[in-house]
Amino acid sequence: MANILIADDSNAIRLVLKDILSIGEHDVIAEACDGSEAVEFYKKYNPDLMLLDLAMPKKDGYAVTKEIISYDPNAKIILITASDDQKTIQKCLNEGAFSYVSKPFDFNAVLDTIKEILKSNLGTIGTNK
């Protein structure tokens, strides 16, 4: 079980992700609806992992990824996107995001991606890093 921050401007997507995460027995510790909130909430709540939409108001996923990785080089970020903009996805991965999942979500793919990423950092999950 991990503490997860969801950052997406769509309330419907946040609800779907919360449902998926509850199936995986993860806790959603905060929900951000724009990029500025995403950065603010990351710093405030120190999640084990962040699900981050690429296309958000105020700051896009790329800007958020850069800022969070500069603040916490060990941040675990999974991008979520409806677009197939491989160039932007690759830029975010190069900045330090771990992976991405496409909308509409496959429940198992989301949970498997989270499990893989968290497996690499088992010693700090659920603690204040």
N, C-alpha and C. Protein backbone atom coordinates (compact mmCIF):
# COMPACT_ATOMS: atom_id res chain seq x y z
N MET A 1 0.84 -1.18 0.00
CA MET A 1 0.00 0.00 0.00
C MET A 1 0.89 1.25 0.00
N ALA A 2 0.48 2.23 -0.82
CA ALA A 2 1.28 3.45 -0.94
C ALA A 2 0.38 4.68 -0.81
N ASN A 3 0.99 5.78 -0.42
CA ASN A 3 0.31 7.07 -0.39
C ASN A 3 0.51 7.74 -1.74
N ILE A 4 -0.58 8.05 -2.42
CA ILE A 4 -0.50 8.52 -3.79
C ILE A 4 -1.19 9.86 -3.96
N LEU A 5 -0.56 10.74 -4.71
CA LEU A 5 -1.11 12.03 -5.10
C LEU A 5 -1.60 11.91 -6.54
N ILE A 6 -2.84 12.29 -6.78
CA ILE A 6 -3.40 12.32 -8.13
C ILE A 6 -3.44 13.77 -8.59
N ALA A 7 -2.91 14.04 -9.77
CA ALA A 7 -2.95 15.39 -10.35
C ALA A 7 -3.56 15.31 -11.74
N ASP A 8 -4.81 15.74 -11.84
CA ASP A 8 -5.52 15.74 -13.12
C ASP A 8 -6.61 16.81 -13.03
N ASP A 9 -6.80 17.57 -14.10
CA ASP A 9 -7.80 18.63 -14.07
C ASP A 9 -9.23 18.11 -14.22
N SER A 10 -9.40 16.85 -14.56
CA SER A 10 -10.73 16.27 -14.74
C SER A 10 -11.17 15.55 -13.47
N ASN A 11 -12.28 16.00 -12.90
CA ASN A 11 -12.82 15.34 -11.72
C ASN A 11 -13.19 13.88 -12.02
N ALA A 12 -13.73 13.65 -13.21
CA ALA A 12 -14.11 12.28 -13.60
C ALA A 12 -12.90 11.35 -13.63
N ILE A 13 -11.78 11.83 -14.16
CA ILE A 13 -10.56 11.01 -14.22
C ILE A 13 -10.04 10.76 -12.80
N ARG A 14 -10.08 11.79 -11.96
CA ARG A 14 -9.63 11.60 -10.58
C ARG A 14 -10.48 10.54 -9.88
N LEU A 15 -11.79 10.55 -10.12
CA LEU A 15 -12.67 9.53 -9.52
C LEU A 15 -12.33 8.13 -10.01
N VAL A 16 -12.10 7.99 -11.31
CA VAL A 16 -11.72 6.69 -11.87
C VAL A 16 -10.41 6.21 -11.24
N LEU A 17 -9.44 7.10 -11.17
CA LEU A 17 -8.15 6.72 -10.58
C LEU A 17 -8.30 6.34 -9.11
N LYS A 18 -9.12 7.07 -8.36
CA LYS A 18 -9.35 6.71 -6.96
C LYS A 18 -9.95 5.32 -6.85
N ASP A 19 -10.88 4.99 -7.74
CA ASP A 19 -11.46 3.64 -7.73
C ASP A 19 -10.39 2.58 -8.02
N ILE A 20 -9.57 2.84 -9.03
CA ILE A 20 -8.50 1.90 -9.37
C ILE A 20 -7.55 1.72 -8.18
N LEU A 21 -7.16 2.84 -7.57
CA LEU A 21 -6.21 2.78 -6.46
C LEU A 21 -6.80 2.07 -5.24
N SER A 22 -8.09 2.24 -5.02
CA SER A 22 -8.71 1.55 -3.88
C SER A 22 -8.72 0.04 -4.11
N ILE A 23 -8.88 -0.40 -5.36
CA ILE A 23 -8.80 -1.83 -5.68
C ILE A 23 -7.41 -2.35 -5.33
N GLY A 24 -6.38 -1.52 -5.61
CA GLY A 24 -5.00 -1.90 -5.30
C GLY A 24 -4.61 -1.64 -3.86
N GLU A 25 -5.58 -1.21 -3.04
CA GLU A 25 -5.37 -0.92 -1.62
C GLU A 25 -4.35 0.18 -1.38
N HIS A 26 -4.35 1.18 -2.26
CA HIS A 26 -3.50 2.36 -2.08
C HIS A 26 -4.34 3.49 -1.51
N ASP A 27 -3.68 4.42 -0.82
CA ASP A 27 -4.36 5.59 -0.26
C ASP A 27 -4.10 6.81 -1.12
N VAL A 28 -5.17 7.51 -1.48
CA VAL A 28 -5.03 8.79 -2.16
C VAL A 28 -4.93 9.84 -1.07
N ILE A 29 -3.76 10.47 -0.96
CA ILE A 29 -3.56 11.43 0.13
C ILE A 29 -3.91 12.85 -0.29
N ALA A 30 -3.99 13.10 -1.61
CA ALA A 30 -4.38 14.43 -2.09
C ALA A 30 -4.72 14.34 -3.56
N GLU A 31 -5.53 15.32 -4.01
CA GLU A 31 -5.90 15.44 -5.41
C GLU A 31 -5.67 16.87 -5.85
N ALA A 32 -4.88 17.03 -6.89
CA ALA A 32 -4.61 18.36 -7.44
C ALA A 32 -5.34 18.50 -8.76
N CYS A 33 -5.90 19.70 -9.01
CA CYS A 33 -6.65 19.89 -10.25
C CYS A 33 -5.93 20.81 -11.24
N ASP A 34 -4.72 21.25 -10.91
CA ASP A 34 -3.89 21.97 -11.87
C ASP A 34 -2.42 21.77 -11.51
N GLY A 35 -1.55 22.19 -12.40
CA GLY A 35 -0.13 21.94 -12.21
C GLY A 35 0.48 22.63 -11.00
N SER A 36 0.01 23.84 -10.71
CA SER A 36 0.53 24.56 -9.54
C SER A 36 0.18 23.82 -8.25
N GLU A 37 -1.07 23.36 -8.16
CA GLU A 37 -1.48 22.57 -7.00
C GLU A 37 -0.69 21.28 -6.91
N ALA A 38 -0.40 20.67 -8.05
CA ALA A 38 0.35 19.41 -8.06
C ALA A 38 1.70 19.59 -7.38
N VAL A 39 2.40 20.65 -7.71
CA VAL A 39 3.71 20.91 -7.10
C VAL A 39 3.54 21.23 -5.61
N GLU A 40 2.57 22.09 -5.31
CA GLU A 40 2.32 22.49 -3.92
C GLU A 40 1.97 21.27 -3.07
N PHE A 41 1.07 20.41 -3.57
CA PHE A 41 0.65 19.24 -2.80
C PHE A 41 1.77 18.21 -2.70
N TYR A 42 2.60 18.09 -3.73
CA TYR A 42 3.72 17.15 -3.65
C TYR A 42 4.62 17.56 -2.47
N LYS A 43 4.95 18.84 -2.41
CA LYS A 43 5.84 19.33 -1.34
C LYS A 43 5.18 19.22 0.03
N LYS A 44 3.87 19.42 0.08
CA LYS A 44 3.16 19.39 1.36
C LYS A 44 2.97 17.96 1.88
N TYR A 45 2.60 17.02 0.99
CA TYR A 45 2.22 15.68 1.42
C TYR A 45 3.30 14.62 1.23
N ASN A 46 4.33 14.90 0.44
CA ASN A 46 5.43 13.96 0.24
C ASN A 46 4.93 12.54 -0.08
N PRO A 47 4.19 12.40 -1.19
CA PRO A 47 3.61 11.09 -1.52
C PRO A 47 4.68 10.07 -1.91
N ASP A 48 4.30 8.80 -1.81
CA ASP A 48 5.18 7.73 -2.29
C ASP A 48 5.24 7.73 -3.81
N LEU A 49 4.15 8.19 -4.43
CA LEU A 49 4.04 8.15 -5.88
C LEU A 49 3.03 9.20 -6.32
N MET A 50 3.22 9.72 -7.53
CA MET A 50 2.31 10.71 -8.08
C MET A 50 1.83 10.27 -9.45
N LEU A 51 0.52 10.35 -9.67
CA LEU A 51 -0.07 10.14 -10.99
C LEU A 51 -0.33 11.54 -11.55
N LEU A 52 0.31 11.86 -12.67
CA LEU A 52 0.34 13.23 -13.18
C LEU A 52 -0.15 13.32 -14.61
N ASP A 53 -1.22 14.09 -14.81
CA ASP A 53 -1.73 14.34 -16.16
C ASP A 53 -0.77 15.26 -16.90
N LEU A 54 -0.57 14.99 -18.18
CA LEU A 54 0.31 15.84 -18.99
C LEU A 54 -0.30 17.19 -19.31
N ALA A 55 -1.59 17.23 -19.58
CA ALA A 55 -2.26 18.45 -20.03
C ALA A 55 -3.12 19.02 -18.90
N MET A 56 -2.55 20.01 -18.20
CA MET A 56 -3.28 20.64 -17.10
C MET A 56 -3.12 22.15 -17.17
N PRO A 57 -4.06 22.88 -16.56
CA PRO A 57 -3.91 24.33 -16.51
C PRO A 57 -2.79 24.76 -15.55
N LYS A 58 -2.36 25.97 -15.72
CA LYS A 58 -1.33 26.66 -14.92
C LYS A 58 0.08 26.13 -15.18
N LYS A 59 0.30 24.84 -15.04
CA LYS A 59 1.58 24.22 -15.37
C LYS A 59 1.27 22.87 -16.01
N ASP A 60 1.90 22.59 -17.13
CA ASP A 60 1.66 21.28 -17.76
C ASP A 60 2.50 20.21 -17.08
N GLY A 61 2.27 18.97 -17.47
CA GLY A 61 2.95 17.85 -16.85
C GLY A 61 4.46 17.91 -16.96
N TYR A 62 4.95 18.45 -18.07
CA TYR A 62 6.39 18.57 -18.24
C TYR A 62 6.97 19.54 -17.21
N ALA A 63 6.34 20.71 -17.06
CA ALA A 63 6.83 21.71 -16.09
C ALA A 63 6.75 21.16 -14.67
N VAL A 64 5.67 20.45 -14.37
CA VAL A 64 5.51 19.86 -13.03
C VAL A 64 6.59 18.80 -12.79
N THR A 65 6.81 17.95 -13.78
CA THR A 65 7.83 16.90 -13.64
C THR A 65 9.19 17.53 -13.35
N LYS A 66 9.57 18.53 -14.14
CA LYS A 66 10.87 19.20 -13.94
C LYS A 66 10.99 19.78 -12.54
N GLU A 67 9.94 20.46 -12.10
CA GLU A 67 9.99 21.13 -10.79
C GLU A 67 10.05 20.12 -9.65
N ILE A 68 9.27 19.06 -9.75
CA ILE A 68 9.25 18.07 -8.67
C ILE A 68 10.55 17.29 -8.62
N ILE A 69 11.08 16.89 -9.78
CA ILE A 69 12.35 16.14 -9.79
C ILE A 69 13.49 17.03 -9.29
N SER A 70 13.42 18.32 -9.57
CA SER A 70 14.46 19.21 -9.05
C SER A 70 14.34 19.35 -7.53
N TYR A 71 13.10 19.29 -7.00
CA TYR A 71 12.86 19.35 -5.56
C TYR A 71 13.20 18.01 -4.89
N ASP A 72 12.80 16.91 -5.55
CA ASP A 72 13.00 15.57 -5.00
C ASP A 72 13.43 14.62 -6.12
N PRO A 73 14.75 14.44 -6.30
CA PRO A 73 15.24 13.59 -7.37
C PRO A 73 14.76 12.14 -7.30
N ASN A 74 14.23 11.72 -6.15
CA ASN A 74 13.74 10.35 -5.98
C ASN A 74 12.23 10.23 -6.18
N ALA A 75 11.60 11.30 -6.64
CA ALA A 75 10.15 11.29 -6.83
C ALA A 75 9.75 10.19 -7.81
N LYS A 76 8.64 9.54 -7.52
CA LYS A 76 8.09 8.50 -8.39
C LYS A 76 6.88 9.10 -9.10
N ILE A 77 7.03 9.37 -10.39
CA ILE A 77 5.97 10.00 -11.17
C ILE A 77 5.56 9.09 -12.32
N ILE A 78 4.25 8.85 -12.40
CA ILE A 78 3.67 8.16 -13.55
C ILE A 78 2.83 9.18 -14.30
N LEU A 79 3.11 9.37 -15.55
CA LEU A 79 2.34 10.29 -16.38
C LEU A 79 1.06 9.62 -16.81
N ILE A 80 -0.01 10.41 -16.89
CA ILE A 80 -1.26 9.91 -17.44
C ILE A 80 -1.65 10.84 -18.57
N THR A 81 -2.01 10.27 -19.70
CA THR A 81 -2.28 11.10 -20.86
C THR A 81 -3.31 10.49 -21.79
N ALA A 82 -4.08 11.37 -22.41
CA ALA A 82 -5.05 10.93 -23.42
C ALA A 82 -4.44 11.06 -24.81
N SER A 83 -3.35 11.80 -24.90
CA SER A 83 -2.73 12.00 -26.21
C SER A 83 -1.62 10.98 -26.43
N ASP A 84 -1.22 10.88 -27.65
CA ASP A 84 -0.11 9.99 -27.98
C ASP A 84 1.10 10.84 -28.39
N ASP A 85 1.32 11.91 -27.65
CA ASP A 85 2.41 12.84 -27.94
C ASP A 85 3.72 12.26 -27.39
N GLN A 86 4.30 11.38 -28.17
CA GLN A 86 5.51 10.67 -27.72
C GLN A 86 6.66 11.62 -27.42
N LYS A 87 6.72 12.74 -28.13
CA LYS A 87 7.81 13.70 -27.89
C LYS A 87 7.73 14.28 -26.47
N THR A 88 6.52 14.71 -26.07
CA THR A 88 6.35 15.27 -24.72
C THR A 88 6.52 14.18 -23.66
N ILE A 89 5.96 13.02 -23.92
CA ILE A 89 6.12 11.90 -22.98
C ILE A 89 7.60 11.60 -22.78
N GLN A 90 8.35 11.54 -23.86
CA GLN A 90 9.78 11.24 -23.77
C GLN A 90 10.54 12.33 -23.03
N LYS A 91 10.16 13.60 -23.24
CA LYS A 91 10.79 14.71 -22.51
C LYS A 91 10.59 14.52 -21.00
N CYS A 92 9.38 14.16 -20.61
CA CYS A 92 9.09 13.95 -19.18
C CYS A 92 9.86 12.75 -18.63
N LEU A 93 9.93 11.68 -19.40
CA LEU A 93 10.70 10.52 -18.97
C LEU A 93 12.17 10.87 -18.83
N ASN A 94 12.68 11.69 -19.75
CA ASN A 94 14.07 12.13 -19.66
C ASN A 94 14.32 13.00 -18.43
N GLU A 95 13.29 13.72 -17.98
CA GLU A 95 13.42 14.57 -16.79
C GLU A 95 13.38 13.76 -15.51
N GLY A 96 12.84 12.53 -15.57
CA GLY A 96 12.83 11.70 -14.37
C GLY A 96 11.52 10.99 -14.08
N ALA A 97 10.47 11.25 -14.88
CA ALA A 97 9.23 10.47 -14.70
C ALA A 97 9.55 9.01 -14.97
N PHE A 98 8.85 8.10 -14.29
CA PHE A 98 9.17 6.69 -14.40
C PHE A 98 8.50 6.01 -15.58
N SER A 99 7.24 6.37 -15.82
CA SER A 99 6.47 5.64 -16.83
C SER A 99 5.27 6.47 -17.20
N TYR A 100 4.43 5.92 -18.08
CA TYR A 100 3.16 6.57 -18.40
C TYR A 100 2.10 5.53 -18.69
N VAL A 101 0.86 5.93 -18.47
CA VAL A 101 -0.29 5.11 -18.84
C VAL A 101 -1.23 5.98 -19.65
N SER A 102 -1.90 5.36 -20.61
CA SER A 102 -2.78 6.09 -21.50
C SER A 102 -4.23 6.00 -21.04
N LYS A 103 -4.95 7.09 -21.29
CA LYS A 103 -6.39 7.10 -21.08
C LYS A 103 -7.04 6.59 -22.37
N PRO A 104 -8.15 5.88 -22.34
CA PRO A 104 -8.82 5.38 -21.14
C PRO A 104 -7.98 4.31 -20.45
N PHE A 105 -8.12 4.22 -19.15
CA PHE A 105 -7.26 3.36 -18.35
C PHE A 105 -7.66 1.91 -18.39
N ASP A 106 -6.66 1.07 -18.40
CA ASP A 106 -6.83 -0.36 -18.14
C ASP A 106 -6.46 -0.53 -16.67
N PHE A 107 -7.41 -0.91 -15.84
CA PHE A 107 -7.19 -1.03 -14.39
C PHE A 107 -5.91 -1.79 -14.07
N ASN A 108 -5.76 -2.96 -14.70
CA ASN A 108 -4.59 -3.79 -14.41
C ASN A 108 -3.29 -3.12 -14.83
N ALA A 109 -3.29 -2.42 -15.95
CA ALA A 109 -2.08 -1.74 -16.41
C ALA A 109 -1.66 -0.66 -15.42
N VAL A 110 -2.63 0.09 -14.90
CA VAL A 110 -2.32 1.14 -13.92
C VAL A 110 -1.74 0.51 -12.66
N LEU A 111 -2.41 -0.50 -12.13
CA LEU A 111 -1.93 -1.14 -10.90
C LEU A 111 -0.59 -1.85 -11.10
N ASP A 112 -0.40 -2.49 -12.25
CA ASP A 112 0.88 -3.15 -12.52
C ASP A 112 2.02 -2.14 -12.63
N THR A 113 1.75 -1.01 -13.26
CA THR A 113 2.78 0.04 -13.38
C THR A 113 3.16 0.57 -12.00
N ILE A 114 2.16 0.82 -11.18
CA ILE A 114 2.42 1.30 -9.81
C ILE A 114 3.22 0.26 -9.03
N LYS A 115 2.81 -0.98 -9.13
CA LYS A 115 3.50 -2.06 -8.41
C LYS A 115 4.97 -2.15 -8.81
N GLU A 116 5.24 -2.08 -10.11
CA GLU A 116 6.63 -2.15 -10.61
C GLU A 116 7.48 -1.02 -10.05
N ILE A 117 6.93 0.19 -10.08
CA ILE A 117 7.68 1.36 -9.63
C ILE A 117 7.92 1.29 -8.12
N LEU A 118 6.90 0.92 -7.38
CA LEU A 118 7.05 0.86 -5.93
C LEU A 118 7.98 -0.26 -5.51
N LYS A 119 8.01 -1.35 -6.27
CA LYS A 119 8.89 -2.48 -5.95
C LYS A 119 10.35 -2.03 -5.91
N SER A 120 10.70 -1.05 -6.70
CA SER A 120 12.08 -0.58 -6.74
C SER A 120 12.43 0.29 -5.52
N ASN A 121 11.42 0.60 -4.68
CA ASN A 121 11.66 1.49 -3.56
C ASN A 121 10.93 1.03 -2.31
N LEU A 122 10.89 -0.27 -2.07
CA LEU A 122 10.11 -0.82 -0.97
C LEU A 122 10.50 -0.30 0.40
N GLY A 123 11.74 0.03 0.59
CA GLY A 123 12.19 0.45 1.91
C GLY A 123 11.61 1.74 2.40
N THR A 124 11.12 2.61 1.51
CA THR A 124 10.63 3.91 1.95
C THR A 124 9.13 4.08 1.81
N ILE A 125 8.43 3.09 1.27
CA ILE A 125 6.99 3.24 1.08
C ILE A 125 6.29 3.35 2.44
N GLY A 126 5.40 4.34 2.53
CA GLY A 126 4.64 4.52 3.76
C GLY A 126 5.41 5.23 4.85
N THR A 127 6.57 5.72 4.55
CA THR A 127 7.36 6.46 5.54
C THR A 127 7.54 7.89 5.06
N ASN A 128 8.01 8.74 5.90
CA ASN A 128 8.34 10.10 5.48
C ASN A 128 9.77 10.12 4.99
N LYS A 129 9.94 9.80 3.75
CA LYS A 129 11.25 9.67 3.11
C LYS A 129 12.28 10.58 3.70
